[in-house]
Protein backbone atom coordinates (compact mmCIF):
# COMPACT_ATOMS: atom_id res chain seq x y z
CA UNK A 1 -12.49 10.04 -64.25
CA UNK A 2 -14.52 12.76 -66.05
CA UNK A 3 -15.37 11.87 -69.65
CA UNK A 4 -16.73 14.71 -71.82
CA UNK A 5 -19.64 14.20 -73.95
CA UNK A 6 -19.01 15.63 -77.37
CA UNK A 7 -22.05 16.13 -79.59
CA UNK A 8 -21.64 15.78 -83.34
CA UNK A 9 -21.74 19.05 -85.47
CA UNK A 10 -24.64 17.49 -87.09
CA UNK A 11 -26.68 17.61 -83.86
CA UNK A 12 -25.53 20.80 -82.18
CA UNK A 13 -24.42 23.73 -84.37
CA UNK A 14 -23.27 27.13 -82.91
CA UNK A 15 -26.00 28.77 -85.14
CA UNK A 16 -28.82 26.50 -83.67
CA UNK A 17 -29.85 28.85 -80.92
CA UNK A 18 -29.00 29.39 -77.34
CA UNK A 19 -30.62 26.16 -75.98
CA UNK A 20 -29.35 23.78 -78.64
CA UNK A 21 -26.67 22.26 -76.33
CA UNK A 22 -29.17 21.68 -73.45
CA UNK A 23 -31.66 20.12 -75.84
CA UNK A 24 -29.30 17.76 -77.41
CA UNK A 25 -27.91 16.61 -74.08
CA UNK A 26 -31.57 16.17 -72.59
CA UNK A 27 -32.49 14.13 -75.74
CA UNK A 28 -29.72 11.89 -74.25
CA UNK A 29 -31.23 11.83 -70.93
CA UNK A 30 -28.35 14.04 -69.64
CA UNK A 31 -30.36 16.44 -67.31
CA UNK A 32 -30.02 18.63 -64.96
CA UNK A 33 -27.40 20.45 -67.10
CA UNK A 34 -25.03 23.00 -65.14
CA UNK A 35 -23.29 26.12 -66.95
CA UNK A 36 -20.16 27.49 -65.19
CA UNK A 37 -18.82 31.04 -65.95
CA UNK A 38 -16.69 33.78 -64.25
CA UNK A 39 -16.66 37.45 -63.92
CA UNK A 40 -13.74 39.71 -63.15
CA UNK A 41 -10.87 37.48 -64.93
CA UNK A 42 -9.31 40.44 -66.70
CA UNK A 43 -9.66 42.90 -63.92
CA UNK A 44 -6.78 44.05 -61.83
CA UNK A 45 -8.67 44.69 -58.74
CA UNK A 46 -11.44 43.14 -56.99
CA UNK A 47 -12.43 39.53 -56.56
CA UNK A 48 -13.11 36.80 -59.17
CA UNK A 49 -16.54 35.64 -59.10
CA UNK A 50 -17.52 32.18 -60.35
CA UNK A 51 -21.22 30.91 -60.97
CA UNK A 52 -22.81 27.57 -61.66
CA UNK A 53 -26.39 27.71 -62.78
CA UNK A 54 -28.91 24.88 -63.75
CA UNK A 55 -32.02 26.51 -65.30
CA UNK A 56 -35.12 24.83 -64.58
CA UNK A 57 -37.11 26.51 -67.57
CA UNK A 58 -36.14 28.67 -70.63
CA UNK A 59 -35.70 32.41 -70.19
CA UNK A 60 -36.49 34.82 -73.09
CA UNK A 61 -33.76 37.36 -73.90
CA UNK A 62 -30.99 35.32 -72.36
CA UNK A 63 -27.57 36.21 -73.82
CA UNK A 64 -23.92 36.64 -72.94
CA UNK A 65 -23.45 39.01 -70.04
CA UNK A 66 -20.92 41.08 -71.94
CA UNK A 67 -23.45 41.89 -74.80
CA UNK A 68 -26.18 43.09 -72.52
CA UNK A 69 -26.56 46.64 -70.98
CA UNK A 70 -26.30 46.77 -67.06
CA UNK A 71 -30.14 47.46 -66.84
CA UNK A 72 -30.99 44.24 -68.84
CA UNK A 73 -28.24 42.24 -67.07
CA UNK A 74 -29.99 43.14 -63.67
CA UNK A 75 -33.54 42.26 -65.12
CA UNK A 76 -32.29 38.97 -66.14
CA UNK A 77 -30.52 38.33 -63.11
CA UNK A 78 -33.69 38.84 -61.04
CA UNK A 79 -35.49 36.37 -63.59
CA UNK A 80 -32.80 33.87 -63.39
CA UNK A 81 -32.67 33.23 -59.58
CA UNK A 82 -36.32 32.09 -59.02
CA UNK A 83 -35.99 29.40 -61.76
CA UNK A 84 -32.42 28.20 -61.33
CA UNK A 85 -30.23 26.29 -58.97
CA UNK A 86 -27.04 28.48 -58.17
CA UNK A 87 -23.65 27.85 -56.71
CA UNK A 88 -21.37 30.58 -56.43
CA UNK A 89 -17.91 31.34 -55.31
CA UNK A 90 -16.15 34.77 -54.58
CA UNK A 91 -12.37 34.47 -54.73
CA UNK A 92 -10.68 37.58 -53.16
CA UNK A 93 -7.66 39.21 -54.51
CA UNK A 94 -5.18 37.96 -52.12
CA UNK A 95 -6.22 34.30 -52.86
CA UNK A 96 -5.67 35.10 -56.58
CA UNK A 97 -2.21 36.49 -56.03
CA UNK A 98 -1.51 33.61 -53.88
CA UNK A 99 -2.58 30.81 -56.18
CA UNK A 100 -2.43 32.32 -59.75
CA UNK A 101 -5.41 33.44 -61.77
CA UNK A 102 -6.25 30.38 -63.75
CA UNK A 103 -5.63 27.94 -60.75
CA UNK A 104 -8.06 30.23 -58.81
CA UNK A 105 -10.48 30.06 -61.56
CA UNK A 106 -10.15 26.30 -62.15
CA UNK A 107 -10.72 25.53 -58.42
CA UNK A 108 -13.57 28.23 -58.33
CA UNK A 109 -15.62 26.38 -61.14
CA UNK A 110 -15.14 23.21 -59.21
CA UNK A 111 -16.14 24.63 -55.88
CA UNK A 112 -19.28 26.64 -57.46
CA UNK A 113 -20.56 23.22 -58.95
CA UNK A 114 -20.04 21.74 -55.54
CA UNK A 115 -22.36 24.48 -54.25
CA UNK A 116 -25.19 23.51 -56.32
CA UNK A 117 -28.32 22.06 -54.28
CA UNK A 118 -28.64 19.26 -56.64
CA UNK A 119 -26.18 17.05 -58.77
CA UNK A 120 -25.90 17.75 -62.42
CA UNK A 121 -25.80 14.98 -64.97
CA UNK A 122 -23.69 17.26 -67.37
CA UNK A 123 -21.66 20.33 -67.05
CA UNK A 124 -20.70 23.05 -69.64
CA UNK A 125 -17.77 25.20 -68.90
CA UNK A 126 -16.92 28.40 -70.63
CA UNK A 127 -13.80 28.37 -72.64
CA UNK A 128 -11.44 25.71 -71.20
CA UNK A 129 -11.75 22.13 -69.63
CA UNK A 130 -12.21 21.95 -65.99
CA UNK A 131 -10.68 18.61 -64.43
CA UNK A 132 -12.12 16.97 -61.40
CA UNK A 133 -15.65 18.00 -62.00
CA UNK A 134 -18.28 15.58 -60.53
CA UNK A 135 -19.94 14.72 -63.82
CA UNK A 136 -19.10 14.55 -67.54
CA UNK A 137 -18.29 17.87 -69.00
CA UNK A 138 -17.56 19.82 -72.21
CA UNK A 139 -15.62 23.03 -72.45
CA UNK A 140 -17.61 25.14 -75.00
CA UNK A 141 -15.75 28.05 -76.80
CA UNK A 142 -17.52 31.18 -76.12
CA UNK A 143 -20.05 29.12 -74.11
CA UNK A 144 -21.83 32.07 -72.84
CA UNK A 145 -22.74 32.99 -76.41
CA UNK A 146 -24.12 29.48 -77.34
CA UNK A 147 -25.27 27.89 -74.24
CA UNK A 148 -28.21 29.05 -72.21
CA UNK A 149 -27.01 27.92 -68.65
CA UNK A 150 -23.54 29.15 -69.46
CA UNK A 151 -25.09 32.68 -70.48
CA UNK A 152 -27.12 32.40 -67.22
CA UNK A 153 -24.00 31.80 -65.18
CA UNK A 154 -22.33 34.71 -66.92
CA UNK A 155 -24.98 37.06 -65.89
CA UNK A 156 -25.11 35.83 -62.25
CA UNK A 157 -21.57 36.06 -61.95
CA UNK A 158 -21.34 39.57 -63.58
CA UNK A 159 -24.03 41.21 -61.74
CA UNK A 160 -22.92 39.74 -58.37
CA UNK A 161 -19.21 41.13 -58.95
CA UNK A 162 -20.54 44.59 -60.30
CA UNK A 163 -22.48 45.04 -56.96
CA UNK A 164 -19.49 44.08 -54.78
CA UNK A 165 -17.32 46.65 -56.83
CA UNK A 166 -20.01 49.28 -56.18
CA UNK A 167 -20.06 48.44 -52.57
CA UNK A 168 -16.12 48.36 -52.71
CA UNK A 169 -16.19 52.12 -54.34
CA UNK A 170 -17.64 53.24 -51.01
CA UNK A 171 -14.60 52.10 -49.06
CA UNK A 172 -12.06 53.24 -51.64
CA UNK A 173 -13.69 56.03 -53.37
CA UNK A 174 -10.50 57.26 -54.85
CA UNK A 175 -10.15 54.60 -57.31
CA UNK A 176 -13.67 54.81 -59.15
CA UNK A 177 -14.38 51.00 -58.71
CA UNK A 178 -18.23 51.76 -59.18
CA UNK A 179 -17.46 52.95 -62.58
CA UNK A 180 -14.61 50.71 -64.19
CA UNK A 181 -15.31 47.61 -61.70
CA UNK A 182 -11.66 47.10 -61.32
CA UNK A 183 -10.67 46.72 -64.95
CA UNK A 184 -7.73 48.80 -66.26
CA UNK A 185 -8.95 52.29 -67.74
CA UNK A 186 -7.03 55.35 -68.04
CA UNK A 187 -8.78 56.80 -64.95
CA UNK A 188 -8.10 53.68 -63.12
CA UNK A 189 -4.12 54.03 -64.14
CA UNK A 190 -4.02 57.57 -62.86
CA UNK A 191 -5.57 56.60 -59.62
CA UNK A 192 -3.05 53.73 -59.10
CA UNK A 193 -0.20 56.43 -59.98
CA UNK A 194 -1.66 58.96 -57.55
CA UNK A 195 -2.61 56.65 -54.53
CA UNK A 196 -0.88 53.39 -55.13
CA UNK A 197 -2.70 50.13 -54.83
CA UNK A 198 -5.04 49.39 -51.92
CA UNK A 199 -6.01 45.96 -50.44
CA UNK A 200 -8.46 45.18 -53.12
CA UNK A 201 -5.81 45.21 -55.92
CA UNK A 202 -4.21 42.16 -57.34
CA UNK A 203 -0.62 42.70 -56.64
CA UNK A 204 0.42 39.85 -58.82
CA UNK A 205 -0.88 41.63 -62.16
CA UNK A 206 1.42 43.68 -64.17
CA UNK A 207 -0.32 46.90 -64.01
CA UNK A 208 -0.62 47.01 -60.20
CA UNK A 209 3.11 45.64 -59.77
CA UNK A 210 4.45 48.16 -62.10
CA UNK A 211 2.92 51.07 -60.14
CA UNK A 212 4.17 49.39 -56.86
CA UNK A 213 7.66 49.39 -58.24
CA UNK A 214 7.71 53.02 -59.28
CA UNK A 215 6.38 53.99 -56.02
CA UNK A 216 8.99 52.24 -54.27
CA UNK A 217 11.60 53.60 -56.45
CA UNK A 218 10.35 57.13 -55.96
CA UNK A 219 10.30 56.52 -52.26
CA UNK A 220 13.86 55.39 -52.28
CA UNK A 221 15.08 58.42 -54.09
CA UNK A 222 13.20 60.69 -51.82
């Protein structure tokens, strides 16, 4: 049974710096510490990428991937990999449709931790608790903004997914995946209206399902 360690507010404050959680846990002998985060949860096309990261040293400039420019994310990604243990899972659109987004996310987090080359003593997850992890864990609200290992996981997941979406754009250039990375934008909506969804779209998502329904209705009238 996974038992969550909940540090007292007097020990860990959200404004105590990005490494406060790791330092508080290390003082209790709970190392190594893994951070887990995902990229692509809100997209309607492309995979969900989940990363688990154990940092072996502190990295200057680390931050939530969503707050960084693409160039800075790429630089930090290259700095993280040599000094971290990484486990990663890429969940394709079809699996998300079959299992559901949240179940895919939770399963992906467990699988990413299982792929780490060493066993963590403690795990920090971004946003919500994940049952079935192999070590005590804590769900941290906006963890990618307050815990270094979670921020590192967010960068690894985001850069990996962005690269996959750029590669996908070469196969399906009509959708503009390299630009919007599978998220809903006016241009992406227009491409869906014009071409319909491709094999990399998540058919269970309302934006894609709506276009499928309208296309089928139009074909029936014709």
